C-alpha cells in the first residue's frame, strides 16, 4: 500500500496520529486531505489530543517526521 505523503517532507509519509479538523468535515474526507500544507490549519495529535505530541514537541506536518520516536507512517487504504 502507498504511503500518504507529507506535504512538508515529500520523502516521508504523514504521521498516522496527526489530525486537523478537516478530518471530520465530510467534504474533506479523502485519502488526500493533507496533500497541501495550509498554514492556518490547527493540527493535533490523536495520542495526546493536543497540539503537543507525546514527546512534548509541537505537532504539524513540518514537525511530525520519522525523527520523532512517536512517529507512525500513515498507509493509504486505496490500491496503488
PDB file of N, CA and C in Angstrom:
ATOM      1  N   UNK A   1       0.836  -1.182   0.000  1.00  0.00           N
ATOM      2  CA  UNK A   1       0.000   0.000   0.000  1.00  0.00           C
ATOM      3  C   UNK A   1       0.884   1.250   0.000  1.00  0.00           C
ATOM      4  N   UNK A   2       0.448   2.272  -0.707  1.00  0.00           N
ATOM      5  CA  UNK A   2       1.256   3.501  -0.754  1.00  0.00           C
ATOM      6  C   UNK A   2       1.127   4.303   0.540  1.00  0.00           C
ATOM      7  N   UNK A   3       2.171   5.054   0.812  1.00  0.00           N
ATOM      8  CA  UNK A   3       2.153   5.941   1.965  1.00  0.00           C
ATOM      9  C   UNK A   3       1.524   7.265   1.569  1.00  0.00           C
ATOM     10  N   UNK A   4       0.816   7.895   2.496  1.00  0.00           N
ATOM     11  CA  UNK A   4       0.266   9.222   2.235  1.00  0.00           C
ATOM     12  C   UNK A   4       1.375  10.218   2.525  1.00  0.00           C
ATOM     13  N   UNK A   5       1.786  10.954   1.504  1.00  0.00           N
ATOM     14  CA  UNK A   5       2.948  11.829   1.581  1.00  0.00           C
ATOM     15  C   UNK A   5       2.714  13.039   2.468  1.00  0.00           C
ATOM     16  N   UNK A   6       3.774  13.448   3.135  1.00  0.00           N
ATOM     17  CA  UNK A   6       3.778  14.643   3.967  1.00  0.00           C
ATOM     18  C   UNK A   6       4.098  15.830   3.058  1.00  0.00           C
ATOM     19  N   UNK A   7       3.252  16.868   3.009  1.00  0.00           N
ATOM     20  CA  UNK A   7       3.494  17.987   2.094  1.00  0.00           C
ATOM     21  C   UNK A   7       4.766  18.773   2.416  1.00  0.00           C
ATOM     22  N   UNK A   8       5.207  18.762   3.674  1.00  0.00           N
ATOM     23  CA  UNK A   8       6.429  19.476   4.040  1.00  0.00           C
ATOM     24  C   UNK A   8       7.679  18.614   3.914  1.00  0.00           C
ATOM     25  N   UNK A   9       7.498  17.299   3.878  1.00  0.00           N
ATOM     26  CA  UNK A   9       8.607  16.353   3.733  1.00  0.00           C
ATOM     27  C   UNK A   9       8.164  15.265   2.751  1.00  0.00           C
ATOM     28  N   UNK A  10       8.184  15.539   1.432  1.00  0.00           N
ATOM     29  CA  UNK A  10       7.629  14.611   0.437  1.00  0.00           C
ATOM     30  C   UNK A  10       8.279  13.233   0.407  1.00  0.00           C
ATOM     31  N   UNK A  11       9.458  13.095   0.998  1.00  0.00           N
ATOM     32  CA  UNK A  11      10.122  11.792   1.029  1.00  0.00           C
ATOM     33  C   UNK A  11       9.614  10.924   2.184  1.00  0.00           C
ATOM     34  N   UNK A  12       8.714  11.466   3.008  1.00  0.00           N
ATOM     35  CA  UNK A  12       8.181  10.731   4.149  1.00  0.00           C
ATOM     36  C   UNK A  12       6.654  10.709   4.110  1.00  0.00           C
ATOM     37  N   UNK A  13       6.101   9.755   4.826  1.00  0.00           N
ATOM     38  CA  UNK A  13       4.645   9.681   4.969  1.00  0.00           C
ATOM     39  C   UNK A  13       4.210  10.586   6.107  1.00  0.00           C
ATOM     40  N   UNK A  14       2.956  10.994   6.064  1.00  0.00           N
ATOM     41  CA  UNK A  14       2.380  11.768   7.154  1.00  0.00           C
ATOM     42  C   UNK A  14       2.226  10.835   8.364  1.00  0.00           C
ATOM     43  N   UNK A  15       2.304  11.355   9.566  1.00  0.00           N
ATOM     44  CA  UNK A  15       2.134  10.527  10.768  1.00  0.00           C
ATOM     45  C   UNK A  15       0.657  10.145  10.909  1.00  0.00           C
ATOM     46  N   UNK A  16       0.402   8.900  11.256  1.00  0.00           N
ATOM     47  CA  UNK A  16      -0.987   8.434  11.374  1.00  0.00           C
ATOM     48  C   UNK A  16      -1.716   9.063  12.555  1.00  0.00           C
ATOM     49  N   UNK A  17      -1.013   9.671  13.486  1.00  0.00           N
ATOM     50  CA  UNK A  17      -1.651  10.314  14.635  1.00  0.00           C
ATOM     51  C   UNK A  17      -1.867  11.806  14.450  1.00  0.00           C
ATOM     52  N   UNK A  18      -1.443  12.365  13.319  1.00  0.00           N
ATOM     53  CA  UNK A  18      -1.591  13.794  13.049  1.00  0.00           C
ATOM     54  C   UNK A  18      -2.963  14.055  12.437  1.00  0.00           C
ATOM     55  N   UNK A  19      -3.685  15.017  12.988  1.00  0.00           N
ATOM     56  CA  UNK A  19      -5.030  15.334  12.505  1.00  0.00           C
ATOM     57  C   UNK A  19      -5.255  16.841  12.481  1.00  0.00           C
ATOM     58  N   UNK A  20      -6.261  17.228  11.684  1.00  0.00           N
ATOM     59  CA  UNK A  20      -6.807  18.580  11.694  1.00  0.00           C
ATOM     60  C   UNK A  20      -8.319  18.429  11.756  1.00  0.00           C
ATOM     61  N   UNK A  21      -9.008  19.530  11.902  1.00  0.00           N
ATOM     62  CA  UNK A  21     -10.471  19.472  11.886  1.00  0.00           C
ATOM     63  C   UNK A  21     -10.986  19.002  10.531  1.00  0.00           C
ATOM     64  N   UNK A  22     -10.185  19.150   9.480  1.00  0.00           N
ATOM     65  CA  UNK A  22     -10.588  18.713   8.142  1.00  0.00           C
ATOM     66  C   UNK A  22     -10.875  17.215   8.099  1.00  0.00           C
ATOM     67  N   UNK A  23     -10.303  16.451   9.013  1.00  0.00           N
ATOM     68  CA  UNK A  23     -10.577  15.018   9.076  1.00  0.00           C
ATOM     69  C   UNK A  23     -12.043  14.723   9.345  1.00  0.00           C
ATOM     70  N   UNK A  24     -12.736  15.672   9.950  1.00  0.00           N
ATOM     71  CA  UNK A  24     -14.096  15.437  10.397  1.00  0.00           C
ATOM     72  C   UNK A  24     -15.143  16.200   9.600  1.00  0.00           C
ATOM     73  N   UNK A  25     -14.724  16.822   8.490  1.00  0.00           N
ATOM     74  CA  UNK A  25     -15.638  17.520   7.586  1.00  0.00           C
ATOM     75  C   UNK A  25     -15.923  16.572   6.419  1.00  0.00           C
ATOM     76  N   UNK A  26     -17.168  16.156   6.231  1.00  0.00           N
ATOM     77  CA  UNK A  26     -17.471  15.154   5.205  1.00  0.00           C
ATOM     78  C   UNK A  26     -16.920  15.469   3.817  1.00  0.00           C
ATOM     79  N   UNK A  27     -16.969  16.713   3.396  1.00  0.00           N
ATOM     80  CA  UNK A  27     -16.463  17.062   2.055  1.00  0.00           C
ATOM     81  C   UNK A  27     -14.954  16.974   1.956  1.00  0.00           C
ATOM     82  N   UNK A  28     -14.255  16.963   3.065  1.00  0.00           N
ATOM     83  CA  UNK A  28     -12.799  16.922   3.063  1.00  0.00           C
ATOM     84  C   UNK A  28     -12.266  15.509   3.263  1.00  0.00           C
ATOM     85  N   UNK A  29     -13.118  14.544   3.563  1.00  0.00           N
ATOM     86  CA  UNK A  29     -12.656  13.198   3.865  1.00  0.00           C
ATOM     87  C   UNK A  29     -12.254  12.474   2.595  1.00  0.00           C
ATOM     88  N   UNK A  30     -10.963  12.368   2.409  1.00  0.00           N
ATOM     89  CA  UNK A  30     -10.403  11.627   1.289  1.00  0.00           C
ATOM     90  C   UNK A  30      -9.001  11.198   1.674  1.00  0.00           C
ATOM     91  N   UNK A  31      -8.369  10.435   0.820  1.00  0.00           N
ATOM     92  CA  UNK A  31      -7.007   9.997   1.083  1.00  0.00           C
ATOM     93  C   UNK A  31      -6.014  11.148   0.960  1.00  0.00           C
ATOM     94  N   UNK A  32      -6.446  12.283   0.432  1.00  0.00           N
ATOM     95  CA  UNK A  32      -5.514  13.363   0.106  1.00  0.00           C
ATOM     96  C   UNK A  32      -5.810  14.653   0.866  1.00  0.00           C
ATOM     97  N   UNK A  33      -6.470  14.564   2.008  1.00  0.00           N
ATOM     98  CA  UNK A  33      -6.866  15.775   2.717  1.00  0.00           C
ATOM     99  C   UNK A  33      -5.675  16.581   3.228  1.00  0.00           C
ATOM    100  N   UNK A  34      -4.508  15.959   3.385  1.00  0.00           N
ATOM    101  CA  UNK A  34      -3.332  16.685   3.869  1.00  0.00           C
ATOM    102  C   UNK A  34      -2.261  16.807   2.798  1.00  0.00           C
ATOM    103  N   UNK A  35      -2.628  16.704   1.522  1.00  0.00           N
ATOM    104  CA  UNK A  35      -1.639  16.797   0.446  1.00  0.00           C
ATOM    105  C   UNK A  35      -0.950  18.151   0.383  1.00  0.00           C
ATOM    106  N   UNK A  36      -1.626  19.181   0.832  1.00  0.00           N
ATOM    107  CA  UNK A  36      -1.089  20.534   0.775  1.00  0.00           C
ATOM    108  C   UNK A  36      -1.048  21.094   2.185  1.00  0.00           C
ATOM    109  N   UNK A  37       0.049  21.743   2.508  1.00  0.00           N
ATOM    110  CA  UNK A  37       0.178  22.370   3.824  1.00  0.00           C
ATOM    111  C   UNK A  37      -0.577  23.691   3.818  1.00  0.00           C
ATOM    112  N   UNK A  38      -1.503  23.852   4.744  1.00  0.00           N
ATOM    113  CA  UNK A  38      -2.236  25.100   4.896  1.00  0.00           C
ATOM    114  C   UNK A  38      -1.797  25.740   6.205  1.00  0.00           C
ATOM    115  N   UNK A  39      -1.159  26.893   6.154  1.00  0.00           N
ATOM    116  CA  UNK A  39      -0.608  27.488   7.375  1.00  0.00           C
ATOM    117  C   UNK A  39      -1.655  27.829   8.443  1.00  0.00           C
ATOM    118  N   UNK A  40      -2.913  27.939   8.064  1.00  0.00           N
ATOM    119  CA  UNK A  40      -3.953  28.254   9.042  1.00  0.00           C
ATOM    120  C   UNK A  40      -4.551  27.013   9.697  1.00  0.00           C
ATOM    121  N   UNK A  41      -4.167  25.824   9.275  1.00  0.00           N
ATOM    122  CA  UNK A  41      -4.673  24.601   9.899  1.00  0.00           C
ATOM    123  C   UNK A  41      -4.150  24.465  11.324  1.00  0.00           C
ATOM    124  N   UNK A  42      -5.009  24.040  12.211  1.00  0.00           N
ATOM    125  CA  UNK A  42      -4.608  23.728  13.583  1.00  0.00           C
ATOM    126  C   UNK A  42      -4.471  22.216  13.671  1.00  0.00           C
ATOM    127  N   UNK A  43      -3.277  21.746  13.920  1.00  0.00           N
ATOM    128  CA  UNK A  43      -3.012  20.318  13.998  1.00  0.00           C
ATOM    129  C   UNK A  43      -3.080  19.848  15.440  1.00  0.00           C
ATOM    130  N   UNK A  44      -3.459  18.572  15.621  1.00  0.00           N
ATOM    131  CA  UNK A  44      -3.410  17.963  16.945  1.00  0.00           C
ATOM    132  C   UNK A  44      -3.028  16.507  16.803  1.00  0.00           C
ATOM    133  N   UNK A  45      -2.595  15.926  17.902  1.00  0.00           N
ATOM    134  CA  UNK A  45      -2.138  14.538  17.939  1.00  0.00           C
ATOM    135  C   UNK A  45      -3.248  13.666  18.517  1.00  0.00           C
ATOM    136  N   UNK A  46      -3.515  12.527  17.886  1.00  0.00           N
ATOM    137  CA  UNK A  46      -4.540  11.612  18.392  1.00  0.00           C
ATOM    138  C   UNK A  46      -4.133  10.933  19.694  1.00  0.00           C
ATOM    139  N   UNK A  47      -2.850  10.870  19.964  1.00  0.00           N
ATOM    140  CA  UNK A  47      -2.386  10.240  21.201  1.00  0.00           C
ATOM    141  C   UNK A  47      -2.643  11.158  22.397  1.00  0.00           C
ATOM    142  N   UNK A  48      -2.296  12.438  22.252  1.00  0.00           N
ATOM    143  CA  UNK A  48      -2.432  13.382  23.358  1.00  0.00           C
ATOM    144  C   UNK A  48      -3.692  14.233  23.278  1.00  0.00           C
ATOM    145  N   UNK A  49      -4.331  14.267  22.098  1.00  0.00           N
ATOM    146  CA  UNK A  49      -5.483  15.128  21.839  1.00  0.00           C
ATOM    147  C   UNK A  49      -5.143  16.597  22.101  1.00  0.00           C
ATOM    148  N   UNK A  50      -3.927  16.957  21.717  1.00  0.00           N
ATOM    149  CA  UNK A  50      -3.432  18.303  21.961  1.00  0.00           C
ATOM    150  C   UNK A  50      -2.495  18.704  20.816  1.00  0.00           C
ATOM    151  N   UNK A  51      -2.080  19.956  20.815  1.00  0.00           N
ATOM    152  CA  UNK A  51      -1.151  20.462  19.800  1.00  0.00           C
ATOM    153  C   UNK A  51       0.289  20.091  20.129  1.00  0.00           C
ATOM    154  N   UNK A  52       0.468  19.315  21.185  1.00  0.00           N
ATOM    155  CA  UNK A  52       1.781  18.835  21.608  1.00  0.00           C
ATOM    156  C   UNK A  52       1.731  17.311  21.611  1.00  0.00           C
ATOM    157  N   UNK A  53       2.754  16.684  21.046  1.00  0.00           N
ATOM    158  CA  UNK A  53       2.790  15.233  20.961  1.00  0.00           C
ATOM    159  C   UNK A  53       3.244  14.580  22.253  1.00  0.00           C
ATOM    160  N   UNK A  54       3.290  13.239  22.292  1.00  0.00           N
ATOM    161  CA  UNK A  54       3.700  12.517  23.489  1.00  0.00           C
ATOM    162  C   UNK A  54       5.153  12.768  23.881  1.00  0.00           C
ATOM    163  N   UNK A  55       5.937  13.306  22.963  1.00  0.00           N
ATOM    164  CA  UNK A  55       7.338  13.627  23.264  1.00  0.00           C
ATOM    165  C   UNK A  55       7.504  15.098  23.656  1.00  0.00           C
ATOM    166  N   UNK A  56       6.400  15.771  23.960  1.00  0.00           N
ATOM    167  CA  UNK A  56       6.376  17.179  24.389  1.00  0.00           C
ATOM    168  C   UNK A  56       6.869  18.154  23.321  1.00  0.00           C
ATOM    169  N   UNK A  57       6.740  17.799  22.060  1.00  0.00           N
ATOM    170  CA  UNK A  57       7.093  18.680  20.946  1.00  0.00           C
ATOM    171  C   UNK A  57       5.820  19.037  20.186  1.00  0.00           C
ATOM    172  N   UNK A  58       5.816  20.195  19.497  1.00  0.00           N
ATOM    173  CA  UNK A  58       4.618  20.598  18.756  1.00  0.00           C
ATOM    174  C   UNK A  58       4.313  19.646  17.603  1.00  0.00           C
ATOM    175  N   UNK A  59       3.040  19.588  17.223  1.00  0.00           N
ATOM    176  CA  UNK A  59       2.640  18.726  16.119  1.00  0.00           C
ATOM    177  C   UNK A  59       2.218  19.569  14.921  1.00  0.00           C
ATOM    178  N   UNK A  60       2.665  19.156  13.748  1.00  0.00           N
ATOM    179  CA  UNK A  60       2.295  19.765  12.468  1.00  0.00           C
ATOM    180  C   UNK A  60       2.909  18.895  11.374  1.00  0.00           C
ATOM    181  N   UNK A  61       2.568  19.171  10.138  1.00  0.00           N
ATOM    182  CA  UNK A  61       3.171  18.419   9.038  1.00  0.00           C
ATOM    183  C   UNK A  61       4.670  18.682   8.967  1.00  0.00           C
ATOM    184  N   UNK A  62       5.077  19.850   9.412  1.00  0.00           N
ATOM    185  CA  UNK A  62       6.504  20.199   9.409  1.00  0.00           C
ATOM    186  C   UNK A  62       7.263  19.486  10.530  1.00  0.00           C
ATOM    187  N   UNK A  63       6.633  19.349  11.686  1.00  0.00           N
ATOM    188  CA  UNK A  63       7.310  18.809  12.862  1.00  0.00           C
ATOM    189  C   UNK A  63       7.217  17.296  13.011  1.00  0.00           C
ATOM    190  N   UNK A  64       6.150  16.681  12.542  1.00  0.00           N
ATOM    191  CA  UNK A  64       5.929  15.248  12.763  1.00  0.00           C
ATOM    192  C   UNK A  64       6.609  14.431  11.664  1.00  0.00           C
ATOM    193  N   UNK A  65       7.857  14.077  11.929  1.00  0.00           N
ATOM    194  CA  UNK A  65       8.662  13.338  10.952  1.00  0.00           C
ATOM    195  C   UNK A  65       9.175  12.049  11.586  1.00  0.00           C
ATOM    196  N   UNK A  66       9.836  11.244  10.790  1.00  0.00           N
ATOM    197  CA  UNK A  66      10.360   9.958  11.258  1.00  0.00           C
ATOM    198  C   UNK A  66      11.455  10.120  12.307  1.00  0.00           C
ATOM    199  N   UNK A  67      11.926  11.332  12.536  1.00  0.00           N
ATOM    200  CA  UNK A  67      12.950  11.567  13.555  1.00  0.00           C
ATOM    201  C   UNK A  67      12.374  11.558  14.970  1.00  0.00           C
ATOM    202  N   UNK A  68      11.052  11.610  15.082  1.00  0.00           N
ATOM    203  CA  UNK A  68      10.411  11.576  16.398  1.00  0.00           C
ATOM    204  C   UNK A  68      10.094  10.140  16.782  1.00  0.00           C
ATOM    205  N   UNK A  69      10.240   9.809  18.049  1.00  0.00           N
ATOM    206  CA  UNK A  69      10.023   8.420  18.493  1.00  0.00           C
ATOM    207  C   UNK A  69       8.554   8.014  18.440  1.00  0.00           C
ATOM    208  N   UNK A  70       7.636   8.972  18.436  1.00  0.00           N
ATOM    209  CA  UNK A  70       6.206   8.673  18.411  1.00  0.00           C
ATOM    210  C   UNK A  70       5.648   8.558  16.988  1.00  0.00           C
ATOM    211  N   UNK A  71       6.466   8.818  15.973  1.00  0.00           N
ATOM    212  CA  UNK A  71       6.029   8.832  14.572  1.00  0.00           C
ATOM    213  C   UNK A  71       5.619   7.436  14.095  1.00  0.00           C
ATOM    214  N   UNK A  72       4.457   7.383  13.421  1.00  0.00           N
ATOM    215  CA  UNK A  72       3.991   6.154  12.774  1.00  0.00           C
ATOM    216  C   UNK A  72       3.481   6.544  11.391  1.00  0.00           C
ATOM    217  N   UNK A  73       4.057   5.998  10.309  1.00  0.00           N
ATOM    218  CA  UNK A  73       3.633   6.391   8.964  1.00  0.00           C
ATOM    219  C   UNK A  73       2.216   5.945   8.645  1.00  0.00           C
ATOM    220  N   UNK A  74       1.471   6.844   7.989  1.00  0.00           N
ATOM    221  CA  UNK A  74       0.101   6.547   7.576  1.00  0.00           C
ATOM    222  C   UNK A  74       0.128   5.873   6.211  1.00  0.00           C
ATOM    223  N   UNK A  75      -0.523   4.732   6.120  1.00  0.00           N
ATOM    224  CA  UNK A  75      -0.585   3.955   4.880  1.00  0.00           C
ATOM    225  C   UNK A  75      -1.960   4.156   4.253  1.00  0.00           C
ATOM    226  N   UNK A  76      -1.995   4.352   2.953  1.00  0.00           N
ATOM    227  CA  UNK A  76      -3.244   4.566   2.232  1.00  0.00           C
ATOM    228  C   UNK A  76      -4.044   3.283   2.154  1.00  0.00           C
ATOM    229  N   UNK A  77      -5.359   3.420   2.179  1.00  0.00           N
ATOM    230  CA  UNK A  77      -6.226   2.258   2.022  1.00  0.00           C
ATOM    231  C   UNK A  77      -6.614   2.060   0.563  1.00  0.00           C
ATOM    232  N   UNK A  78      -6.218   2.997  -0.291  1.00  0.00           N
ATOM    233  CA  UNK A  78      -6.514   2.875  -1.721  1.00  0.00           C
ATOM    234  C   UNK A  78      -5.483   1.997  -2.402  1.00  0.00           C
ATOM    235  N   UNK A  79      -5.890   1.223  -3.413  1.00  0.00           N
ATOM    236  CA  UNK A  79      -4.901   0.426  -4.147  1.00  0.00           C
ATOM    237  C   UNK A  79      -3.935   1.349  -4.878  1.00  0.00           C
ATOM    238  N   UNK A  80      -2.707   0.894  -5.018  1.00  0.00           N
ATOM    239  CA  UNK A  80      -1.660   1.693  -5.685  1.00  0.00           C
ATOM    240  C   UNK A  80      -1.924   1.895  -7.143  1.00  0.00           C
TER     241      UNK A  80
END
